N, C-alpha and C. Protein backbone atom coordinates (compact mmCIF):
# COMPACT_ATOMS: atom_id res chain seq x y z
N MET A 1 43.24 -0.52 308.60
CA MET A 1 42.64 0.90 309.80
C MET A 1 42.38 1.79 308.43
N LYS A 2 40.79 2.22 308.58
CA LYS A 2 41.11 3.95 307.33
C LYS A 2 41.71 4.81 307.59
N THR A 3 42.15 5.36 306.96
CA THR A 3 42.40 6.77 306.96
C THR A 3 41.74 7.78 306.64
N ALA A 4 40.62 7.64 306.48
CA ALA A 4 39.55 9.03 306.11
C ALA A 4 38.79 9.29 307.44
N TYR A 5 38.85 9.67 308.53
CA TYR A 5 38.25 9.72 309.69
C TYR A 5 37.74 10.69 309.57
N ILE A 6 36.22 10.61 310.60
CA ILE A 6 35.29 11.79 310.58
C ILE A 6 35.63 12.79 311.30
N THR A 7 35.36 13.77 311.03
CA THR A 7 36.34 15.22 312.00
C THR A 7 34.91 16.26 311.94
N ASP A 8 33.79 16.22 311.53
CA ASP A 8 32.61 16.96 311.22
C ASP A 8 31.79 17.06 313.07
N LEU A 9 31.96 17.83 313.39
CA LEU A 9 31.43 17.60 314.63
C LEU A 9 29.93 17.65 314.46
N LYS A 10 28.97 18.06 314.02
CA LYS A 10 27.64 17.68 313.76
C LYS A 10 27.47 16.64 313.44
N VAL A 11 28.14 15.52 312.48
CA VAL A 11 27.89 14.36 312.18
C VAL A 11 28.25 13.85 313.56
N ILE A 12 29.25 14.02 314.40
CA ILE A 12 29.98 13.18 315.08
C ILE A 12 28.65 13.36 316.57
N ALA A 13 28.38 14.39 316.56
CA ALA A 13 27.46 14.70 317.95
C ALA A 13 25.93 14.18 317.28
N THR A 14 25.45 13.85 316.12
CA THR A 14 24.20 13.49 315.37
C THR A 14 24.39 11.66 315.77
N THR A 15 25.70 10.88 315.43
CA THR A 15 25.95 9.78 315.37
C THR A 15 25.79 9.39 316.76
N ALA A 16 26.84 10.05 317.54
CA ALA A 16 27.22 9.86 319.12
C ALA A 16 25.54 9.68 320.10
N GLN A 17 24.34 10.60 319.31
CA GLN A 17 23.07 9.88 319.89
C GLN A 17 22.76 9.10 319.35
N LEU A 18 22.55 8.63 318.06
CA LEU A 18 22.50 7.47 317.21
C LEU A 18 22.48 5.99 317.75
N LYS A 19 23.59 6.72 318.63
CA LYS A 19 24.49 5.35 318.78
C LYS A 19 24.87 5.47 320.77
N GLU A 20 23.83 5.72 321.30
CA GLU A 20 23.57 5.59 322.72
C GLU A 20 23.91 4.41 323.06
N GLU A 21 22.56 3.88 322.56
CA GLU A 21 22.84 2.25 323.20
C GLU A 21 23.37 1.32 322.60
N GLU A 22 24.16 1.47 321.45
CA GLU A 22 25.05 0.78 321.20
C GLU A 22 26.19 0.94 322.13
N ASN A 23 26.64 2.22 322.23
CA ASN A 23 27.85 2.29 322.70
C ASN A 23 27.82 1.79 325.01
N ASP A 24 26.44 1.38 325.25
CA ASP A 24 26.27 1.27 325.76
C ASP A 24 26.34 -0.31 326.26
N HIS A 25 26.21 -1.07 324.94
CA HIS A 25 26.17 -2.58 325.01
C HIS A 25 27.62 -2.66 324.97
N PHE A 26 28.62 -1.65 324.14
CA PHE A 26 29.67 -1.79 324.08
C PHE A 26 30.33 -1.86 325.32
N LEU A 27 29.91 -0.98 326.03
CA LEU A 27 30.70 -0.16 327.55
C LEU A 27 30.71 -1.57 328.25
N ARG A 28 29.46 -2.25 328.44
CA ARG A 28 29.50 -3.30 329.21
C ARG A 28 30.01 -4.71 328.23
N SER A 29 30.38 -4.77 327.26
CA SER A 29 31.17 -5.65 326.75
C SER A 29 32.55 -5.52 327.24
N LEU A 30 32.88 -4.58 327.48
CA LEU A 30 34.66 -4.22 327.71
C LEU A 30 34.88 -4.88 328.54
N HIS A 31 33.62 -5.35 329.82
CA HIS A 31 34.36 -6.31 330.83
C HIS A 31 34.51 -7.36 330.63
N HIS A 32 34.54 -8.10 329.81
CA HIS A 32 35.03 -9.41 329.07
C HIS A 32 36.25 -9.36 328.75
N GLN A 33 36.98 -7.85 328.78
CA GLN A 33 38.08 -7.83 327.85
C GLN A 33 39.55 -8.07 329.04
N ASP A 34 40.68 -8.36 328.36
CA ASP A 34 41.52 -8.05 329.22
C ASP A 34 42.06 -6.90 329.49
N ASP A 35 42.07 -6.57 330.25
CA ASP A 35 42.99 -4.86 330.38
C ASP A 35 43.99 -4.58 329.60
N ASP A 36 45.27 -5.33 329.56
CA ASP A 36 46.28 -5.02 329.15
C ASP A 36 46.31 -4.93 327.64
N ILE A 37 45.17 -6.27 327.40
CA ILE A 37 45.39 -6.21 325.40
C ILE A 37 44.54 -5.11 324.96
N LEU A 38 43.35 -4.79 325.87
CA LEU A 38 42.50 -3.94 325.51
C LEU A 38 43.61 -2.37 325.50
N ASP A 39 44.47 -2.21 326.57
CA ASP A 39 44.83 -0.90 326.43
C ASP A 39 46.11 -1.07 324.96
N ALA A 40 46.58 -2.38 324.84
CA ALA A 40 47.33 -1.97 323.61
C ALA A 40 46.47 -1.87 322.41
N LYS A 41 45.54 -2.44 322.16
CA LYS A 41 44.23 -2.01 320.99
C LYS A 41 44.39 -0.57 320.97
N VAL A 42 43.76 -0.47 322.28
CA VAL A 42 43.35 1.47 322.28
C VAL A 42 44.70 2.35 321.82
N HIS A 43 45.83 2.16 322.57
CA HIS A 43 47.10 2.66 322.32
C HIS A 43 47.88 3.14 320.52
N LYS A 44 47.42 1.41 320.05
CA LYS A 44 47.61 1.14 318.63
C LYS A 44 46.79 2.22 317.97
N ILE A 45 45.51 1.83 317.86
CA ILE A 45 44.48 2.60 317.28
C ILE A 45 44.72 4.28 317.50
N TYR A 46 44.94 4.57 319.23
CA TYR A 46 45.14 5.99 318.96
C TYR A 46 46.12 6.34 318.45
N GLU A 47 47.56 5.60 318.10
CA GLU A 47 48.69 5.88 317.11
C GLU A 47 48.35 6.66 316.20
N THR A 48 47.56 5.80 315.40
CA THR A 48 46.52 6.10 314.25
C THR A 48 46.16 7.13 314.08
N VAL A 49 45.12 7.22 315.17
CA VAL A 49 44.05 8.27 314.88
C VAL A 49 44.64 9.85 315.29
N ASN A 50 44.93 10.14 316.29
CA ASN A 50 45.84 11.00 316.62
C ASN A 50 46.65 12.31 315.73
N PRO A 51 47.82 11.15 315.35
CA PRO A 51 47.95 12.26 314.11
C PRO A 51 47.36 12.92 313.19
N ALA A 52 46.23 12.21 312.13
CA ALA A 52 45.28 11.75 311.37
C ALA A 52 44.82 13.30 311.43
N ILE A 53 44.13 13.76 312.85
CA ILE A 53 43.43 14.46 313.14
C ILE A 53 44.09 15.90 313.95
N ASP A 54 43.95 16.88 313.50
CA ASP A 54 44.35 18.12 313.45
C ASP A 54 42.97 18.83 314.53
N CYS A 55 43.64 18.64 315.91
CA CYS A 55 43.03 19.30 316.96
C CYS A 55 42.78 20.87 316.69
N THR A 56 43.84 21.68 316.46
CA THR A 56 43.81 22.97 316.14
C THR A 56 42.50 23.16 315.12
N GLN A 57 42.06 22.45 314.43
CA GLN A 57 41.27 22.65 313.75
C GLN A 57 39.63 22.59 314.44
N CYS A 58 39.88 21.94 315.71
CA CYS A 58 38.58 21.58 316.42
C CYS A 58 38.44 22.48 317.55
N GLY A 59 39.52 22.72 318.45
CA GLY A 59 39.05 22.96 319.63
C GLY A 59 37.90 22.85 320.57
N ASN A 60 37.03 21.92 320.22
CA ASN A 60 35.89 21.39 321.04
C ASN A 60 36.13 21.08 322.56
N CYS A 61 37.12 20.65 322.99
CA CYS A 61 37.56 20.40 323.89
C CYS A 61 37.78 21.36 324.89
N CYS A 62 38.24 22.64 324.54
CA CYS A 62 38.59 24.00 324.76
C CYS A 62 37.23 25.07 325.22
N LYS A 63 35.92 24.45 324.20
CA LYS A 63 34.92 25.20 324.06
C LYS A 63 34.12 24.69 325.06
N THR A 64 34.13 23.28 325.54
CA THR A 64 33.28 22.25 326.51
C THR A 64 33.49 21.84 327.81
N LEU A 65 35.05 22.04 328.12
CA LEU A 65 35.39 21.23 329.39
C LEU A 65 35.90 21.98 330.07
N ILE A 66 35.87 21.90 331.73
CA ILE A 66 36.20 22.77 332.62
C ILE A 66 37.79 22.06 333.22
N VAL A 67 39.01 22.65 332.84
CA VAL A 67 40.02 22.09 333.11
C VAL A 67 40.39 22.44 334.71
N ASN A 68 40.79 21.27 335.03
CA ASN A 68 41.59 21.35 336.50
C ASN A 68 43.22 21.64 336.05
N ILE A 69 43.18 22.03 337.19
CA ILE A 69 45.10 22.79 337.11
C ILE A 69 45.54 22.57 338.29
N THR A 70 46.67 22.45 338.49
CA THR A 70 47.44 21.98 339.86
C THR A 70 47.94 23.34 340.20
N LYS A 71 48.62 24.01 341.52
CA LYS A 71 49.27 24.87 341.84
C LYS A 71 50.23 25.00 340.94
N PRO A 72 51.32 23.91 340.99
CA PRO A 72 52.36 24.24 340.36
C PRO A 72 52.28 25.09 339.02
N GLU A 73 51.48 24.02 338.35
CA GLU A 73 51.00 24.73 336.63
C GLU A 73 50.50 26.38 336.76
N ILE A 74 49.87 26.80 338.04
CA ILE A 74 49.57 28.03 338.17
C ILE A 74 50.85 28.91 338.08
N LYS A 75 51.74 28.53 338.84
CA LYS A 75 53.07 29.50 339.07
C LYS A 75 53.36 29.50 337.37
N ARG A 76 53.96 28.10 337.05
CA ARG A 76 54.09 28.25 335.66
C ARG A 76 53.70 29.20 334.88
N LEU A 77 52.10 29.01 334.56
CA LEU A 77 51.48 29.86 333.63
C LEU A 77 52.05 31.25 334.02
N ALA A 78 51.80 31.79 335.15
CA ALA A 78 52.02 32.92 335.57
C ALA A 78 53.32 33.34 335.22
N VAL A 79 54.57 32.86 335.09
CA VAL A 79 55.69 32.90 334.50
C VAL A 79 55.36 33.13 333.03
N TYR A 80 54.82 32.37 332.20
CA TYR A 80 54.64 31.89 331.25
C TYR A 80 53.96 33.44 330.56
N LEU A 81 53.23 33.56 331.41
CA LEU A 81 52.09 35.27 330.74
C LEU A 81 52.80 36.74 331.33
N ASP A 82 53.92 36.03 332.16
CA ASP A 82 54.59 37.21 332.98
C ASP A 82 53.84 37.97 333.46
N MET A 83 52.92 37.51 334.53
CA MET A 83 51.79 37.85 335.57
C MET A 83 52.33 37.50 336.48
N HIS A 84 51.76 38.61 337.60
CA HIS A 84 51.72 38.18 339.07
C HIS A 84 51.06 36.76 339.49
N GLU A 85 51.27 36.06 339.74
CA GLU A 85 50.43 34.72 340.45
C GLU A 85 49.25 35.20 340.81
N ASP A 86 49.17 36.37 341.71
CA ASP A 86 47.62 36.70 342.40
C ASP A 86 46.69 36.97 341.16
N ASP A 87 47.54 38.08 340.43
CA ASP A 87 46.69 38.75 339.43
C ASP A 87 45.83 37.50 338.63
N LEU A 88 47.09 36.43 338.11
CA LEU A 88 46.65 35.48 337.51
C LEU A 88 45.29 34.37 337.54
N LYS A 89 45.40 34.38 339.17
CA LYS A 89 44.48 33.46 339.83
C LYS A 89 42.75 34.37 339.91
N GLU A 90 43.21 35.65 339.94
CA GLU A 90 42.18 36.32 339.97
C GLU A 90 40.88 36.32 338.97
N LYS A 91 42.14 36.54 337.54
CA LYS A 91 41.46 36.64 336.17
C LYS A 91 40.70 35.47 335.50
N TYR A 92 41.75 34.34 336.00
CA TYR A 92 41.77 33.23 335.19
C TYR A 92 41.22 31.78 336.25
N ILE A 93 41.64 31.90 337.69
CA ILE A 93 41.50 30.97 338.24
C ILE A 93 40.41 30.59 339.39
N GLU A 94 39.40 29.54 339.51
CA GLU A 94 38.85 29.67 340.40
C GLU A 94 39.11 28.40 341.56
N GLU A 95 39.24 28.56 342.98
CA GLU A 95 39.50 27.72 343.68
C GLU A 95 38.24 26.82 344.96
N SER A 96 38.07 25.64 344.65
CA SER A 96 37.05 24.86 345.31
C SER A 96 37.43 25.22 347.07
N ALA A 97 36.53 24.90 347.76
CA ALA A 97 37.02 24.71 349.22
C ALA A 97 37.32 23.92 349.62
N ALA A 98 37.59 22.79 348.76
CA ALA A 98 38.66 21.62 348.98
C ALA A 98 40.20 22.09 348.33
N GLY A 99 39.91 23.27 347.39
CA GLY A 99 41.36 23.48 347.01
C GLY A 99 41.63 23.50 345.63
N ASN A 100 41.13 22.33 345.02
CA ASN A 100 41.11 22.10 343.44
C ASN A 100 40.90 23.48 342.53
N CYS A 101 41.92 23.44 341.45
CA CYS A 101 41.97 24.70 341.42
C CYS A 101 41.39 24.29 339.53
N PHE A 102 40.80 25.06 338.71
CA PHE A 102 40.47 24.88 337.33
C PHE A 102 40.35 26.17 337.11
N ILE A 103 40.27 26.54 335.50
CA ILE A 103 39.44 27.25 334.84
C ILE A 103 38.49 28.05 335.18
N ASN A 104 38.27 29.35 335.47
CA ASN A 104 37.28 29.42 336.00
C ASN A 104 35.88 30.06 334.55
N SER A 105 36.22 29.43 333.23
CA SER A 105 35.37 29.89 332.45
C SER A 105 35.56 28.72 331.25
N VAL A 106 33.66 28.65 331.04
CA VAL A 106 34.13 27.94 329.93
C VAL A 106 33.34 28.06 329.01
N PRO A 107 33.79 28.51 327.27
CA PRO A 107 35.32 28.32 326.81
C PRO A 107 36.37 28.55 327.65
N CYS A 108 37.11 27.99 327.48
CA CYS A 108 38.78 28.61 328.04
C CYS A 108 39.09 29.70 327.62
N HIS A 109 39.49 30.77 328.98
CA HIS A 109 39.98 31.91 328.61
C HIS A 109 40.80 32.11 327.41
N PHE A 110 41.79 31.39 327.31
CA PHE A 110 42.90 30.79 326.22
C PHE A 110 42.82 30.30 325.18
N LEU A 111 41.49 30.33 324.94
CA LEU A 111 41.23 29.55 323.61
C LEU A 111 41.03 30.65 322.27
N GLU A 112 41.62 30.65 321.36
CA GLU A 112 41.50 31.60 320.20
C GLU A 112 41.28 31.42 319.10
N GLY A 113 40.12 31.06 318.74
CA GLY A 113 39.16 30.57 317.27
C GLY A 113 39.23 28.74 317.91
N THR A 114 39.84 28.32 317.27
CA THR A 114 40.21 26.81 317.65
C THR A 114 41.58 26.49 318.04
N LYS A 115 42.38 27.82 318.25
CA LYS A 115 43.89 27.19 318.95
C LYS A 115 43.63 27.84 320.32
N CYS A 116 44.73 27.04 321.20
CA CYS A 116 45.50 27.61 322.50
C CYS A 116 46.13 28.47 322.26
N GLY A 117 45.74 29.66 323.17
CA GLY A 117 46.53 30.88 323.10
C GLY A 117 47.86 30.35 323.87
N ILE A 118 47.71 29.28 324.76
CA ILE A 118 49.22 29.44 325.39
C ILE A 118 49.45 28.21 325.34
N TYR A 119 49.41 27.82 324.29
CA TYR A 119 49.98 25.91 323.79
C TYR A 119 51.08 25.73 324.40
N GLU A 120 52.11 26.41 324.31
CA GLU A 120 53.69 25.72 324.62
C GLU A 120 53.68 26.24 326.33
N GLY A 121 52.41 26.69 326.97
CA GLY A 121 52.41 26.69 328.54
C GLY A 121 50.92 26.10 328.77
N ARG A 122 50.42 25.28 328.03
CA ARG A 122 49.17 24.80 328.65
C ARG A 122 49.18 23.92 329.83
N PHE A 123 47.91 23.08 330.22
CA PHE A 123 48.12 22.22 331.48
C PHE A 123 48.13 21.29 331.07
N THR A 124 48.69 20.12 332.11
CA THR A 124 48.82 18.41 331.79
C THR A 124 47.46 18.15 331.16
N GLU A 125 46.25 18.30 332.10
CA GLU A 125 45.26 18.07 331.57
C GLU A 125 44.64 18.23 330.40
N CYS A 126 45.45 19.15 329.55
CA CYS A 126 45.01 20.01 328.21
C CYS A 126 46.01 18.93 327.34
N ARG A 127 47.43 18.57 327.45
CA ARG A 127 48.07 18.09 327.18
C ARG A 127 48.01 16.37 327.23
N ASP A 128 47.26 16.33 327.85
CA ASP A 128 46.90 14.57 328.19
C ASP A 128 45.47 14.03 327.53
N PHE A 129 44.90 15.21 327.12
CA PHE A 129 43.35 15.13 326.61
C PHE A 129 43.61 14.31 324.97
N PRO A 130 42.91 13.20 324.86
CA PRO A 130 41.95 12.35 325.50
C PRO A 130 41.97 11.70 326.19
N HIS A 131 43.46 11.67 326.74
CA HIS A 131 43.94 10.48 327.49
C HIS A 131 43.80 8.90 327.51
N LEU A 132 43.81 8.78 326.01
CA LEU A 132 43.96 7.80 325.56
C LEU A 132 45.06 6.77 325.34
N HIS A 133 45.90 7.57 325.74
CA HIS A 133 47.54 6.77 325.31
C HIS A 133 48.15 6.30 326.80
N LYS A 134 47.12 6.48 328.04
CA LYS A 134 47.03 6.18 329.08
C LYS A 134 46.77 4.53 329.64
N PRO A 135 47.06 3.90 330.33
CA PRO A 135 46.61 2.46 330.99
C PRO A 135 45.37 2.76 331.64
N GLY A 136 44.28 1.68 331.57
CA GLY A 136 43.46 1.92 332.23
C GLY A 136 42.22 2.07 331.68
N PHE A 137 42.06 2.15 330.21
CA PHE A 137 41.04 2.33 329.37
C PHE A 137 39.89 1.79 329.58
N ARG A 138 39.86 0.41 329.94
CA ARG A 138 38.23 0.07 330.46
C ARG A 138 37.83 0.85 331.72
N LYS A 139 38.25 1.06 332.81
CA LYS A 139 38.22 1.79 333.95
C LYS A 139 37.56 2.97 333.85
N ARG A 140 38.39 4.00 332.39
CA ARG A 140 38.22 5.28 332.40
C ARG A 140 36.88 5.21 331.19
N PHE A 141 35.98 4.05 330.58
CA PHE A 141 35.56 4.46 329.35
C PHE A 141 34.25 4.84 329.43
N LEU A 142 34.01 4.95 330.63
CA LEU A 142 32.15 6.08 331.13
C LEU A 142 32.78 7.03 330.86
N GLY A 143 33.98 7.61 331.32
CA GLY A 143 34.31 8.95 331.60
C GLY A 143 34.44 9.46 329.43
N THR A 144 35.27 8.72 329.17
CA THR A 144 35.45 8.61 327.78
C THR A 144 34.20 8.56 327.16
N LEU A 145 33.38 7.99 327.23
CA LEU A 145 31.99 8.08 326.05
C LEU A 145 31.37 9.22 326.46
N LEU A 146 31.77 10.07 327.56
CA LEU A 146 31.08 11.39 327.87
C LEU A 146 31.63 12.15 326.61
N HIS A 147 32.81 12.49 326.40
CA HIS A 147 33.27 13.08 325.56
C HIS A 147 33.12 12.73 324.00
N TYR A 148 32.58 11.46 323.56
CA TYR A 148 32.58 10.33 322.27
C TYR A 148 31.66 11.46 321.29
N GLY A 149 31.08 12.45 321.83
CA GLY A 149 29.79 12.77 320.45
C GLY A 149 30.69 14.29 320.79
N SER A 150 31.82 14.48 320.96
CA SER A 150 32.10 16.03 320.65
C SER A 150 33.75 15.83 320.67
N CYS A 151 34.16 14.88 320.61
CA CYS A 151 35.83 14.97 320.28
C CYS A 151 36.08 14.06 319.22
N PRO A 152 36.16 14.46 318.12
CA PRO A 152 36.89 13.50 316.78
C PRO A 152 37.72 12.41 317.12
N ILE A 153 38.50 12.75 317.93
CA ILE A 153 39.64 11.80 318.05
C ILE A 153 39.21 10.67 318.58
N ILE A 154 38.28 10.98 320.09
CA ILE A 154 37.95 9.72 320.61
C ILE A 154 36.62 8.96 320.03
N PHE A 155 35.85 9.69 319.54
CA PHE A 155 35.00 9.48 318.15
C PHE A 155 35.42 7.97 317.52
N ASN A 156 36.42 8.49 316.78
CA ASN A 156 36.90 7.34 315.71
C ASN A 156 37.87 6.55 316.36
N VAL A 157 38.61 6.82 317.62
CA VAL A 157 39.34 5.88 318.36
C VAL A 157 38.33 4.50 318.67
N VAL A 158 37.23 5.18 319.31
CA VAL A 158 36.36 3.76 319.84
C VAL A 158 35.31 3.16 318.54
N GLU A 159 35.11 3.92 317.22
CA GLU A 159 34.82 2.99 316.17
C GLU A 159 35.63 2.15 315.74
N GLU A 160 36.60 2.50 315.66
CA GLU A 160 38.05 1.77 315.18
C GLU A 160 37.94 0.47 316.44
N LEU A 161 37.64 0.63 317.61
CA LEU A 161 38.08 -0.58 318.58
C LEU A 161 36.77 -1.10 318.23
N LYS A 162 35.66 -1.18 318.17
CA LYS A 162 34.39 -1.95 317.70
C LYS A 162 34.79 -2.56 316.92
N HIS A 163 35.62 -2.06 315.58
CA HIS A 163 35.47 -3.37 314.50
C HIS A 163 36.79 -3.88 315.23
N GLU A 164 37.80 -3.11 315.46
CA GLU A 164 39.26 -4.19 315.98
C GLU A 164 38.43 -5.70 316.74
N LEU A 165 37.67 -5.11 317.97
CA LEU A 165 37.13 -6.07 318.49
C LEU A 165 36.15 -6.86 318.18
N LYS A 166 35.84 -6.60 316.93
CA LYS A 166 34.51 -7.30 316.40
C LYS A 166 33.46 -7.35 316.94
N PHE A 167 33.10 -6.07 317.37
CA PHE A 167 31.73 -6.07 318.16
C PHE A 167 30.72 -5.85 317.19
N LEU A 168 30.90 -5.24 316.11
CA LEU A 168 29.79 -4.81 315.17
C LEU A 168 29.33 -5.93 314.39
N GLU A 169 30.34 -6.87 314.38
CA GLU A 169 29.93 -8.07 313.38
C GLU A 169 29.20 -9.09 313.62
């Protein structure tokens, strides 16, 4: 595996546009892959790429994604920020008619430059992004592709996976 990864967001976004058709074909090709073997390959690549890319130098996910949060996470954040839960909700949280909660601002209120201002208290969805360590990659790949042009980790993992699967050869 290579050790120099593409992290320039402009290059990634431009490349993503150029590779839309290629990625569509790659998506279809994954239907022929065994899920367990594919997950193992993705996890191995992710374990190499993730520590090589410093998310705090990017923060693009915090600038572009709506973050879903749970009610227990709201309680934890209120304690972490030493705020009353109702004040926290009024200032930072939106709740849908179905009871789903999410941060009410994009970019995230807690983004400070390119770093999370509540890093130790951040939400599970933030901790787990880009979700490449989880099983079920093939089933989630369409969603992963939505962030291919904006997340250096996803971009590099997908490109490495194409080589690993000999998709480009």
